Amino acid sequence: MGELLAKAKAKPRLVLVICCLLLLPFLFKSSSMEEHKATWLWDATLIENPGKVLDFCKEQGVSVIFLQIQKNVEENQYQRFIAAAHAEDISVHALDGRPQWAYQEQHKEADQFIEWVLDYNGKSAPEERFAGIQLDVEPYQLRRWERDQDGVVTEWIRNMEGWTAKGRSGGLYMSAAVPFWLGKVAAPGSGGNLSRWMLGQFDALAVMSYRDSGLKMVDLSKEMLAEADRQGKSVWIGMELGHTEEGDHLSFFGKPLTVMNEEMKKVYRLSDAYSSFAGLAVHHYEAWQEKIASDDPKREQSSMSN
């Protein structure tokens, strides 16, 4: 009788243990996903103090830095910074681009940028190399876009085919920053839209779904996320922290840090269903650091003393 009672008492505990084990993958997935963030770093001179940049990135869960390449920064500075980032499991991607790069006649400027990265990687130790390249071209800022969109896109597509082939030949992870409405633009000759074409061409896209609401950011990105799921590619959801003249609803500039953090959590929660979701890409490092510092004056003073 005592043995039967012991077995009866053990069953609920066994069920509880099994339930906990079944839930563990979901709990760990949610936790680890929130650690995956990227950020754009436009002022490359800041890497001269790698500790400050990387300490902040570690605190905020950043695993990828899109670092703009500047000629006034020496190669050994890039090497030192990337090696330090590598030691913290943070990958660094070379960033550059101009709207005019979409034009066939100016593709060589982008070619030279990619060749510089390949040459740099060839001269650097494995832990000092760029993991990838991000292109930020944005040709819709050109005047010609309004009167000849198909013509600009046709040239842009031809250029992108060459750029991605050149980058991949050197083992680089190729990504691009794109607007959320890219799916409304036709890709001439492909029978589909430019969003689908670019997902097929690049390893990942960072969609600039800039809004001050996590729900709206995901809503603007969901078609691209769904297409990336089908193609087995990755999508970063971009969020804006800097000042913009285009409307307060596009940025978290001037909004409480607690509000921003809550909306960040919403993005991760709402994007969990998409296998392509790579994390949040925060625009940009300088604005993010200023926002955190302004919420904690002591932190700002400590940062200044460094």
C-alpha atoms as a PDB file:
ATOM      1  CA  MET A   1       0.000   0.000   0.000  1.00  0.00           C
ATOM      2  CA  GLY A   2       2.816   2.419   0.899  1.00  0.00           C
ATOM      3  CA  GLU A   3       4.521   1.685  -2.419  1.00  0.00           C
ATOM      4  CA  LEU A   4       1.336   2.513  -4.353  1.00  0.00           C
ATOM      5  CA  LEU A   5       0.951   5.825  -2.497  1.00  0.00           C
ATOM      6  CA  ALA A   6       4.561   6.741  -3.269  1.00  0.00           C
ATOM      7  CA  LYS A   7       4.005   6.026  -6.962  1.00  0.00           C
ATOM      8  CA  ALA A   8       0.790   8.090  -6.958  1.00  0.00           C
ATOM      9  CA  LYS A   9       2.613  11.051  -5.384  1.00  0.00           C
ATOM     10  CA  ALA A  10       5.489  10.738  -7.829  1.00  0.00           C
ATOM     11  CA  LYS A  11       3.277  10.975 -10.953  1.00  0.00           C
ATOM     12  CA  PRO A  12       2.342  14.682 -10.596  1.00  0.00           C
ATOM     13  CA  ARG A  13       6.000  15.528 -10.015  1.00  0.00           C
ATOM     14  CA  LEU A  14       6.986  13.539 -13.107  1.00  0.00           C
ATOM     15  CA  VAL A  15       4.365  15.346 -15.219  1.00  0.00           C
ATOM     16  CA  LEU A  16       5.612  18.691 -13.916  1.00  0.00           C
ATOM     17  CA  VAL A  17       9.214  17.835 -14.801  1.00  0.00           C
ATOM     18  CA  ILE A  18       8.213  16.737 -18.317  1.00  0.00           C
ATOM     19  CA  CYS A  19       6.229  19.958 -18.857  1.00  0.00           C
ATOM     20  CA  CYS A  20       9.199  22.048 -17.735  1.00  0.00           C
ATOM     21  CA  LEU A  21      11.523  20.170 -20.083  1.00  0.00           C
ATOM     22  CA  LEU A  22       9.123  20.743 -22.992  1.00  0.00           C
ATOM     23  CA  LEU A  23       8.988  24.460 -22.226  1.00  0.00           C
ATOM     24  CA  LEU A  24      12.757  24.932 -21.932  1.00  0.00           C
ATOM     25  CA  PRO A  25      13.438  25.345 -25.691  1.00  0.00           C
ATOM     26  CA  PHE A  26      10.846  28.125 -25.895  1.00  0.00           C
ATOM     27  CA  LEU A  27      12.191  29.878 -22.820  1.00  0.00           C
ATOM     28  CA  PHE A  28      15.762  29.761 -24.060  1.00  0.00           C
ATOM     29  CA  LYS A  29      14.741  30.832 -27.567  1.00  0.00           C
ATOM     30  CA  SER A  30      13.042  33.933 -26.247  1.00  0.00           C
ATOM     31  CA  SER A  31      15.964  34.803 -23.995  1.00  0.00           C
ATOM     32  CA  SER A  32      18.642  34.284 -26.621  1.00  0.00           C
ATOM     33  CA  MET A  33      16.706  36.152 -29.296  1.00  0.00           C
ATOM     34  CA  GLU A  34      16.600  39.262 -27.175  1.00  0.00           C
ATOM     35  CA  GLU A  35      20.382  39.224 -27.108  1.00  0.00           C
ATOM     36  CA  HIS A  36      20.566  39.546 -30.897  1.00  0.00           C
ATOM     37  CA  LYS A  37      20.726  43.178 -31.899  1.00  0.00           C
ATOM     38  CA  ALA A  38      22.687  45.110 -34.489  1.00  0.00           C
ATOM     39  CA  THR A  39      23.587  48.775 -34.634  1.00  0.00           C
ATOM     40  CA  TRP A  40      24.903  51.189 -37.250  1.00  0.00           C
ATOM     41  CA  LEU A  41      28.107  53.033 -36.336  1.00  0.00           C
ATOM     42  CA  TRP A  42      28.606  55.937 -38.735  1.00  0.00           C
ATOM     43  CA  ASP A  43      31.560  57.707 -37.110  1.00  0.00           C
ATOM     44  CA  ALA A  44      34.431  55.267 -37.527  1.00  0.00           C
ATOM     45  CA  THR A  45      36.792  57.499 -35.526  1.00  0.00           C
ATOM     46  CA  LEU A  46      34.969  56.262 -32.407  1.00  0.00           C
ATOM     47  CA  ILE A  47      36.651  52.872 -32.752  1.00  0.00           C
ATOM     48  CA  GLU A  48      39.890  54.482 -31.568  1.00  0.00           C
ATOM     49  CA  ASN A  49      38.418  53.791 -28.110  1.00  0.00           C
ATOM     50  CA  PRO A  50      37.217  50.207 -28.670  1.00  0.00           C
ATOM     51  CA  GLY A  51      36.532  49.526 -25.002  1.00  0.00           C
ATOM     52  CA  LYS A  52      33.900  52.244 -24.732  1.00  0.00           C
ATOM     53  CA  VAL A  53      32.051  51.135 -27.872  1.00  0.00           C
ATOM     54  CA  LEU A  54      32.204  47.427 -27.119  1.00  0.00           C
ATOM     55  CA  ASP A  55      31.277  47.752 -23.440  1.00  0.00           C
ATOM     56  CA  PHE A  56      28.126  49.592 -24.504  1.00  0.00           C
ATOM     57  CA  CYS A  57      27.340  47.014 -27.183  1.00  0.00           C
ATOM     58  CA  LYS A  58      27.737  44.138 -24.718  1.00  0.00           C
ATOM     59  CA  GLU A  59      25.426  45.856 -22.224  1.00  0.00           C
ATOM     60  CA  GLN A  60      22.763  46.339 -24.892  1.00  0.00           C
ATOM     61  CA  GLY A  61      23.005  42.845 -26.387  1.00  0.00           C
ATOM     62  CA  VAL A  62      24.529  43.903 -29.711  1.00  0.00           C
ATOM     63  CA  SER A  63      26.065  41.032 -31.685  1.00  0.00           C
ATOM     64  CA  VAL A  64      26.560  42.818 -35.033  1.00  0.00           C
ATOM     65  CA  ILE A  65      28.032  46.252 -35.783  1.00  0.00           C
ATOM     66  CA  PHE A  66      27.584  47.859 -39.211  1.00  0.00           C
ATOM     67  CA  LEU A  67      30.683  50.081 -39.301  1.00  0.00           C
ATOM     68  CA  GLN A  68      31.036  52.767 -41.937  1.00  0.00           C
ATOM     69  CA  ILE A  69      34.425  52.768 -43.624  1.00  0.00           C
ATOM     70  CA  GLN A  70      36.272  56.089 -43.512  1.00  0.00           C
ATOM     71  CA  LYS A  71      39.578  56.839 -45.210  1.00  0.00           C
ATOM     72  CA  ASN A  72      40.776  58.930 -42.271  1.00  0.00           C
ATOM     73  CA  VAL A  73      40.830  55.809 -40.068  1.00  0.00           C
ATOM     74  CA  GLU A  74      43.991  53.695 -40.382  1.00  0.00           C
ATOM     75  CA  GLU A  75      43.770  49.993 -41.176  1.00  0.00           C
ATOM     76  CA  ASN A  76      45.466  49.077 -37.919  1.00  0.00           C
ATOM     77  CA  GLN A  77      42.626  50.848 -36.058  1.00  0.00           C
ATOM     78  CA  TYR A  78      40.082  48.638 -37.824  1.00  0.00           C
ATOM     79  CA  GLN A  79      42.192  45.578 -37.054  1.00  0.00           C
ATOM     80  CA  ARG A  80      42.477  46.427 -33.371  1.00  0.00           C
ATOM     81  CA  PHE A  81      38.760  47.156 -33.053  1.00  0.00           C
ATOM     82  CA  ILE A  82      37.567  44.077 -34.923  1.00  0.00           C
ATOM     83  CA  ALA A  83      39.913  41.817 -32.947  1.00  0.00           C
ATOM     84  CA  ALA A  84      38.535  43.263 -29.697  1.00  0.00           C
ATOM     85  CA  ALA A  85      34.964  42.814 -30.981  1.00  0.00           C
ATOM     86  CA  HIS A  86      35.734  39.241 -32.045  1.00  0.00           C
ATOM     87  CA  ALA A  87      36.888  38.478 -28.500  1.00  0.00           C
ATOM     88  CA  GLU A  88      33.426  39.579 -27.295  1.00  0.00           C
ATOM     89  CA  ASP A  89      31.569  37.498 -29.943  1.00  0.00           C
ATOM     90  CA  ILE A  90      30.552  40.658 -31.820  1.00  0.00           C
ATOM     91  CA  SER A  91      30.901  40.582 -35.604  1.00  0.00           C
ATOM     92  CA  VAL A  92      31.725  43.710 -37.586  1.00  0.00           C
ATOM     93  CA  HIS A  93      30.410  44.362 -41.101  1.00  0.00           C
ATOM     94  CA  ALA A  94      31.862  47.058 -43.375  1.00  0.00           C
ATOM     95  CA  LEU A  95      29.230  49.669 -44.243  1.00  0.00           C
ATOM     96  CA  ASP A  96      29.039  52.230 -47.034  1.00  0.00           C
ATOM     97  CA  GLY A  97      26.847  53.487 -49.826  1.00  0.00           C
ATOM     98  CA  ARG A  98      25.464  56.469 -51.719  1.00  0.00           C
ATOM     99  CA  PRO A  99      22.274  56.846 -53.803  1.00  0.00           C
ATOM    100  CA  GLN A 100      24.362  57.399 -56.936  1.00  0.00           C
ATOM    101  CA  TRP A 101      25.852  53.916 -56.609  1.00  0.00           C
ATOM    102  CA  ALA A 102      22.663  52.637 -58.227  1.00  0.00           C
ATOM    103  CA  TYR A 103      23.763  54.139 -61.542  1.00  0.00           C
ATOM    104  CA  GLN A 104      25.649  51.834 -63.884  1.00  0.00           C
ATOM    105  CA  GLU A 105      28.185  54.551 -64.594  1.00  0.00           C
ATOM    106  CA  GLN A 106      29.059  54.783 -60.880  1.00  0.00           C
ATOM    107  CA  HIS A 107      29.175  51.098 -59.992  1.00  0.00           C
ATOM    108  CA  LYS A 108      32.979  51.260 -59.860  1.00  0.00           C
ATOM    109  CA  GLU A 109      32.865  53.381 -56.703  1.00  0.00           C
ATOM    110  CA  ALA A 110      31.093  50.547 -54.896  1.00  0.00           C
ATOM    111  CA  ASP A 111      33.399  48.029 -56.545  1.00  0.00           C
ATOM    112  CA  GLN A 112      36.383  49.874 -55.090  1.00  0.00           C
ATOM    113  CA  PHE A 113      34.789  49.796 -51.617  1.00  0.00           C
ATOM    114  CA  ILE A 114      34.237  46.035 -51.815  1.00  0.00           C
ATOM    115  CA  GLU A 115      37.749  45.510 -53.197  1.00  0.00           C
ATOM    116  CA  TRP A 116      39.161  47.531 -50.302  1.00  0.00           C
ATOM    117  CA  VAL A 117      37.383  45.242 -47.814  1.00  0.00           C
ATOM    118  CA  LEU A 118      38.607  42.128 -49.622  1.00  0.00           C
ATOM    119  CA  ASP A 119      42.162  43.474 -49.725  1.00  0.00           C
ATOM    120  CA  TYR A 120      41.983  44.469 -46.049  1.00  0.00           C
ATOM    121  CA  ASN A 121      40.736  41.000 -45.070  1.00  0.00           C
ATOM    122  CA  GLY A 122      43.498  39.395 -47.113  1.00  0.00           C
ATOM    123  CA  LYS A 123      46.152  41.308 -45.149  1.00  0.00           C
ATOM    124  CA  SER A 124      44.534  40.774 -41.734  1.00  0.00           C
ATOM    125  CA  ALA A 125      44.492  37.907 -39.253  1.00  0.00           C
ATOM    126  CA  PRO A 126      41.228  35.900 -39.115  1.00  0.00           C
ATOM    127  CA  GLU A 127      40.070  37.622 -35.922  1.00  0.00           C
ATOM    128  CA  GLU A 128      40.737  41.060 -37.479  1.00  0.00           C
ATOM    129  CA  ARG A 129      38.595  40.555 -40.595  1.00  0.00           C
ATOM    130  CA  PHE A 130      35.221  42.014 -41.496  1.00  0.00           C
ATOM    131  CA  ALA A 131      32.531  39.337 -41.377  1.00  0.00           C
ATOM    132  CA  GLY A 132      30.494  40.938 -44.115  1.00  0.00           C
ATOM    133  CA  ILE A 133      29.459  44.017 -46.049  1.00  0.00           C
ATOM    134  CA  GLN A 134      26.315  46.078 -45.770  1.00  0.00           C
ATOM    135  CA  LEU A 135      25.351  48.326 -48.681  1.00  0.00           C
ATOM    136  CA  ASP A 136      23.218  51.389 -47.934  1.00  0.00           C
ATOM    137  CA  VAL A 137      22.479  52.814 -51.388  1.00  0.00           C
ATOM    138  CA  GLU A 138      18.896  54.242 -51.190  1.00  0.00           C
ATOM    139  CA  PRO A 139      18.494  55.443 -54.837  1.00  0.00           C
ATOM    140  CA  TYR A 140      14.935  56.578 -54.173  1.00  0.00           C
ATOM    141  CA  GLN A 141      16.530  59.782 -52.906  1.00  0.00           C
ATOM    142  CA  LEU A 142      17.577  60.599 -56.479  1.00  0.00           C
ATOM    143  CA  ARG A 143      15.521  63.024 -58.564  1.00  0.00           C
ATOM    144  CA  ARG A 144      15.523  60.583 -61.458  1.00  0.00           C
ATOM    145  CA  TRP A 145      13.687  58.025 -59.301  1.00  0.00           C
ATOM    146  CA  GLU A 146      10.436  59.994 -59.658  1.00  0.00           C
ATOM    147  CA  ARG A 147      10.485  60.171 -63.458  1.00  0.00           C
ATOM    148  CA  ASP A 148      12.297  56.902 -64.335  1.00  0.00           C
ATOM    149  CA  GLN A 149      11.974  54.426 -61.461  1.00  0.00           C
ATOM    150  CA  ASP A 150      12.189  51.348 -63.684  1.00  0.00           C
ATOM    151  CA  GLY A 151      15.341  52.645 -65.339  1.00  0.00           C
ATOM    152  CA  VAL A 152      17.058  53.322 -62.005  1.00  0.00           C
ATOM    153  CA  VAL A 153      16.008  49.934 -60.613  1.00  0.00           C
ATOM    154  CA  THR A 154      17.274  48.141 -63.729  1.00  0.00           C
ATOM    155  CA  GLU A 155      20.723  49.708 -63.329  1.00  0.00           C
ATOM    156  CA  TRP A 156      20.688  49.097 -59.586  1.00  0.00           C
ATOM    157  CA  ILE A 157      19.854  45.410 -60.056  1.00  0.00           C
ATOM    158  CA  ARG A 158      22.709  44.972 -62.522  1.00  0.00           C
ATOM    159  CA  ASN A 159      25.103  46.598 -60.070  1.00  0.00           C
ATOM    160  CA  MET A 160      23.869  44.540 -57.111  1.00  0.00           C
ATOM    161  CA  GLU A 161      24.431  41.312 -59.034  1.00  0.00           C
ATOM    162  CA  GLY A 162      28.064  42.271 -59.497  1.00  0.00           C
ATOM    163  CA  TRP A 163      28.546  43.483 -55.927  1.00  0.00           C
ATOM    164  CA  THR A 164      27.136  40.377 -54.265  1.00  0.00           C
ATOM    165  CA  ALA A 165      29.150  38.086 -56.553  1.00  0.00           C
ATOM    166  CA  LYS A 166      32.341  40.023 -55.761  1.00  0.00           C
ATOM    167  CA  GLY A 167      31.681  40.005 -52.003  1.00  0.00           C
ATOM    168  CA  ARG A 168      30.793  36.325 -51.836  1.00  0.00           C
ATOM    169  CA  SER A 169      33.920  35.423 -53.803  1.00  0.00           C
ATOM    170  CA  GLY A 170      35.813  36.593 -50.725  1.00  0.00           C
ATOM    171  CA  GLY A 171      33.554  34.780 -48.252  1.00  0.00           C
ATOM    172  CA  LEU A 172      31.726  37.914 -47.101  1.00  0.00           C
ATOM    173  CA  TYR A 173      28.180  37.913 -45.700  1.00  0.00           C
ATOM    174  CA  MET A 174      26.278  40.368 -47.929  1.00  0.00           C
ATOM    175  CA  SER A 175      23.413  42.503 -46.647  1.00  0.00           C
ATOM    176  CA  ALA A 176      21.631  45.717 -47.586  1.00  0.00           C
ATOM    177  CA  ALA A 177      19.622  48.386 -45.797  1.00  0.00           C
ATOM    178  CA  VAL A 178      16.227  48.841 -47.467  1.00  0.00           C
ATOM    179  CA  PRO A 179      12.933  50.708 -46.933  1.00  0.00           C
ATOM    180  CA  PHE A 180       9.895  48.762 -45.698  1.00  0.00           C
ATOM    181  CA  TRP A 181       7.935  49.582 -48.883  1.00  0.00           C
ATOM    182  CA  LEU A 182      10.398  47.786 -51.157  1.00  0.00           C
ATOM    183  CA  GLY A 183       7.741  45.186 -51.984  1.00  0.00           C
ATOM    184  CA  LYS A 184       5.731  47.844 -53.840  1.00  0.00           C
ATOM    185  CA  VAL A 185       8.561  48.361 -56.335  1.00  0.00           C
ATOM    186  CA  ALA A 186       8.673  46.106 -59.408  1.00  0.00           C
ATOM    187  CA  ALA A 187      11.918  44.350 -60.314  1.00  0.00           C
ATOM    188  CA  PRO A 188      12.048  44.600 -64.126  1.00  0.00           C
ATOM    189  CA  GLY A 189      12.752  41.286 -65.811  1.00  0.00           C
ATOM    190  CA  SER A 190      12.164  39.192 -62.689  1.00  0.00           C
ATOM    191  CA  GLY A 191       8.391  38.918 -62.746  1.00  0.00           C
ATOM    192  CA  GLY A 192       8.266  39.923 -59.094  1.00  0.00           C
ATOM    193  CA  ASN A 193       8.927  42.795 -56.723  1.00  0.00           C
ATOM    194  CA  LEU A 194      12.245  44.247 -55.643  1.00  0.00           C
ATOM    195  CA  SER A 195      11.893  42.967 -52.073  1.00  0.00           C
ATOM    196  CA  ARG A 196      11.709  39.360 -53.266  1.00  0.00           C
ATOM    197  CA  TRP A 197      14.548  39.878 -55.726  1.00  0.00           C
ATOM    198  CA  MET A 198      16.870  41.443 -53.151  1.00  0.00           C
ATOM    199  CA  LEU A 199      16.165  38.700 -50.609  1.00  0.00           C
ATOM    200  CA  GLY A 200      17.191  36.235 -53.291  1.00  0.00           C
ATOM    201  CA  GLN A 201      20.354  38.209 -53.990  1.00  0.00           C
ATOM    202  CA  PHE A 202      21.570  39.051 -50.481  1.00  0.00           C
ATOM    203  CA  ASP A 203      22.093  36.972 -47.353  1.00  0.00           C
ATOM    204  CA  ALA A 204      20.086  39.436 -45.252  1.00  0.00           C
ATOM    205  CA  LEU A 205      18.190  42.721 -45.428  1.00  0.00           C
ATOM    206  CA  ALA A 206      17.899  45.369 -42.736  1.00  0.00           C
ATOM    207  CA  VAL A 207      14.436  46.829 -43.225  1.00  0.00           C
ATOM    208  CA  MET A 208      14.096  50.443 -42.136  1.00  0.00           C
ATOM    209  CA  SER A 209      10.656  50.029 -40.578  1.00  0.00           C
ATOM    210  CA  TYR A 210      11.037  53.195 -38.547  1.00  0.00           C
ATOM    211  CA  ARG A 211       8.110  53.781 -36.191  1.00  0.00           C
ATOM    212  CA  ASP A 212       7.750  54.501 -32.458  1.00  0.00           C
ATOM    213  CA  SER A 213       5.630  51.372 -31.954  1.00  0.00           C
ATOM    214  CA  GLY A 214       6.821  47.775 -31.848  1.00  0.00           C
ATOM    215  CA  LEU A 215       3.522  46.610 -33.327  1.00  0.00           C
ATOM    216  CA  LYS A 216       3.811  49.007 -36.279  1.00  0.00           C
ATOM    217  CA  MET A 217       7.473  48.129 -36.874  1.00  0.00           C
ATOM    218  CA  VAL A 218       6.633  44.445 -37.172  1.00  0.00           C
ATOM    219  CA  ASP A 219       3.516  45.164 -39.228  1.00  0.00           C
ATOM    220  CA  LEU A 220       5.607  47.113 -41.746  1.00  0.00           C
ATOM    221  CA  SER A 221       8.140  44.274 -41.905  1.00  0.00           C
ATOM    222  CA  LYS A 222       5.872  41.231 -41.956  1.00  0.00           C
ATOM    223  CA  GLU A 223       5.697  40.756 -45.739  1.00  0.00           C
ATOM    224  CA  MET A 224       9.477  40.843 -45.999  1.00  0.00           C
ATOM    225  CA  LEU A 225       9.812  38.483 -43.032  1.00  0.00           C
ATOM    226  CA  ALA A 226       7.366  36.026 -44.620  1.00  0.00           C
ATOM    227  CA  GLU A 227       9.216  36.122 -47.938  1.00  0.00           C
ATOM    228  CA  ALA A 228      12.557  35.682 -46.150  1.00  0.00           C
ATOM    229  CA  ASP A 229      11.081  32.638 -44.373  1.00  0.00           C
ATOM    230  CA  ARG A 230      10.294  31.112 -47.770  1.00  0.00           C
ATOM    231  CA  GLN A 231      13.767  31.838 -49.117  1.00  0.00           C
ATOM    232  CA  GLY A 232      15.702  30.887 -46.003  1.00  0.00           C
ATOM    233  CA  LYS A 233      17.181  34.378 -45.625  1.00  0.00           C
ATOM    234  CA  SER A 234      17.399  36.805 -42.674  1.00  0.00           C
ATOM    235  CA  VAL A 235      15.756  40.140 -41.900  1.00  0.00           C
ATOM    236  CA  TRP A 236      16.757  42.741 -39.352  1.00  0.00           C
ATOM    237  CA  ILE A 237      13.965  45.057 -38.204  1.00  0.00           C
ATOM    238  CA  GLY A 238      15.318  48.592 -38.013  1.00  0.00           C
ATOM    239  CA  MET A 239      14.359  51.146 -35.381  1.00  0.00           C
ATOM    240  CA  GLU A 240      15.222  54.846 -35.298  1.00  0.00           C
ATOM    241  CA  LEU A 241      16.460  56.692 -32.218  1.00  0.00           C
ATOM    242  CA  GLY A 242      17.773  59.874 -33.811  1.00  0.00           C
ATOM    243  CA  HIS A 243      16.061  63.176 -34.486  1.00  0.00           C
ATOM    244  CA  THR A 244      14.134  63.338 -37.768  1.00  0.00           C
ATOM    245  CA  GLU A 245      12.214  66.075 -39.543  1.00  0.00           C
ATOM    246  CA  GLU A 246       9.866  63.524 -41.103  1.00  0.00           C
ATOM    247  CA  GLY A 247       7.630  63.120 -38.050  1.00  0.00           C
ATOM    248  CA  ASP A 248       7.816  62.181 -34.369  1.00  0.00           C
ATOM    249  CA  HIS A 249       6.095  58.853 -35.063  1.00  0.00           C
ATOM    250  CA  LEU A 250       9.189  57.601 -36.928  1.00  0.00           C
ATOM    251  CA  SER A 251      11.614  57.741 -34.011  1.00  0.00           C
ATOM    252  CA  PHE A 252      12.054  57.140 -30.294  1.00  0.00           C
ATOM    253  CA  PHE A 253      13.937  60.430 -30.077  1.00  0.00           C
ATOM    254  CA  GLY A 254      12.703  62.386 -27.044  1.00  0.00           C
ATOM    255  CA  LYS A 255      10.612  59.465 -25.782  1.00  0.00           C
ATOM    256  CA  PRO A 256      11.223  57.806 -22.386  1.00  0.00           C
ATOM    257  CA  LEU A 257      13.754  54.990 -22.286  1.00  0.00           C
ATOM    258  CA  THR A 258      11.209  52.747 -20.538  1.00  0.00           C
ATOM    259  CA  VAL A 259       8.815  53.192 -23.463  1.00  0.00           C
ATOM    260  CA  MET A 260      11.538  52.353 -25.976  1.00  0.00           C
ATOM    261  CA  ASN A 261      12.523  49.206 -24.064  1.00  0.00           C
ATOM    262  CA  GLU A 262       8.919  48.012 -23.875  1.00  0.00           C
ATOM    263  CA  GLU A 263       8.457  48.510 -27.622  1.00  0.00           C
ATOM    264  CA  MET A 264      11.692  46.610 -28.240  1.00  0.00           C
ATOM    265  CA  LYS A 265      10.297  43.662 -26.295  1.00  0.00           C
ATOM    266  CA  LYS A 266       7.121  43.792 -28.388  1.00  0.00           C
ATOM    267  CA  VAL A 267       9.142  43.496 -31.586  1.00  0.00           C
ATOM    268  CA  TYR A 268      10.818  40.308 -30.346  1.00  0.00           C
ATOM    269  CA  ARG A 269       7.562  38.860 -29.083  1.00  0.00           C
ATOM    270  CA  LEU A 270       5.636  39.615 -32.289  1.00  0.00           C
ATOM    271  CA  SER A 271       8.447  38.444 -34.588  1.00  0.00           C
ATOM    272  CA  ASP A 272       9.013  35.141 -32.810  1.00  0.00           C
ATOM    273  CA  ALA A 273       6.902  33.272 -35.378  1.00  0.00           C
ATOM    274  CA  TYR A 274       9.279  34.190 -38.215  1.00  0.00           C
ATOM    275  CA  SER A 275      12.362  31.990 -38.620  1.00  0.00           C
ATOM    276  CA  SER A 276      13.972  34.762 -40.688  1.00  0.00           C
ATOM    277  CA  PHE A 277      13.883  37.344 -37.899  1.00  0.00           C
ATOM    278  CA  ALA A 278      17.504  38.186 -37.060  1.00  0.00           C
ATOM    279  CA  GLY A 279      16.809  40.796 -34.383  1.00  0.00           C
ATOM    280  CA  LEU A 280      16.554  44.561 -34.045  1.00  0.00           C
ATOM    281  CA  ALA A 281      18.928  46.873 -35.900  1.00  0.00           C
ATOM    282  CA  VAL A 282      19.177  50.125 -33.952  1.00  0.00           C
ATOM    283  CA  HIS A 283      19.879  53.359 -35.794  1.00  0.00           C
ATOM    284  CA  HIS A 284      22.290  54.382 -34.615  1.00  0.00           C
ATOM    285  CA  TYR A 285      25.048  53.791 -32.026  1.00  0.00           C
ATOM    286  CA  GLU A 286      25.646  57.462 -31.217  1.00  0.00           C
ATOM    287  CA  ALA A 287      21.947  58.236 -30.728  1.00  0.00           C
ATOM    288  CA  TRP A 288      21.490  55.067 -28.660  1.00  0.00           C
ATOM    289  CA  GLN A 289      24.390  55.893 -26.395  1.00  0.00           C
ATOM    290  CA  GLU A 290      23.130  59.456 -25.904  1.00  0.00           C
ATOM    291  CA  LYS A 291      19.669  58.175 -25.036  1.00  0.00           C
ATOM    292  CA  ILE A 292      20.973  55.750 -22.422  1.00  0.00           C
ATOM    293  CA  ALA A 293      23.307  58.402 -20.978  1.00  0.00           C
ATOM    294  CA  SER A 294      20.576  61.042 -20.736  1.00  0.00           C
ATOM    295  CA  ASP A 295      18.467  58.616 -18.718  1.00  0.00           C
ATOM    296  CA  ASP A 296      21.362  58.086 -16.297  1.00  0.00           C
ATOM    297  CA  PRO A 297      23.394  61.298 -15.641  1.00  0.00           C
ATOM    298  CA  LYS A 298      25.930  59.353 -13.544  1.00  0.00           C
ATOM    299  CA  ARG A 299      26.600  57.104 -16.520  1.00  0.00           C
ATOM    300  CA  GLU A 300      27.132  60.145 -18.747  1.00  0.00           C
ATOM    301  CA  GLN A 301      29.678  61.622 -16.319  1.00  0.00           C
ATOM    302  CA  SER A 302      31.477  58.270 -16.135  1.00  0.00           C
ATOM    303  CA  SER A 303      31.527  58.073 -19.930  1.00  0.00           C
ATOM    304  CA  MET A 304      32.979  61.581 -20.207  1.00  0.00           C
ATOM    305  CA  SER A 305      35.723  60.737 -17.715  1.00  0.00           C
ATOM    306  CA  ASN A 306      36.780  57.829 -19.900  1.00  0.00           C
END
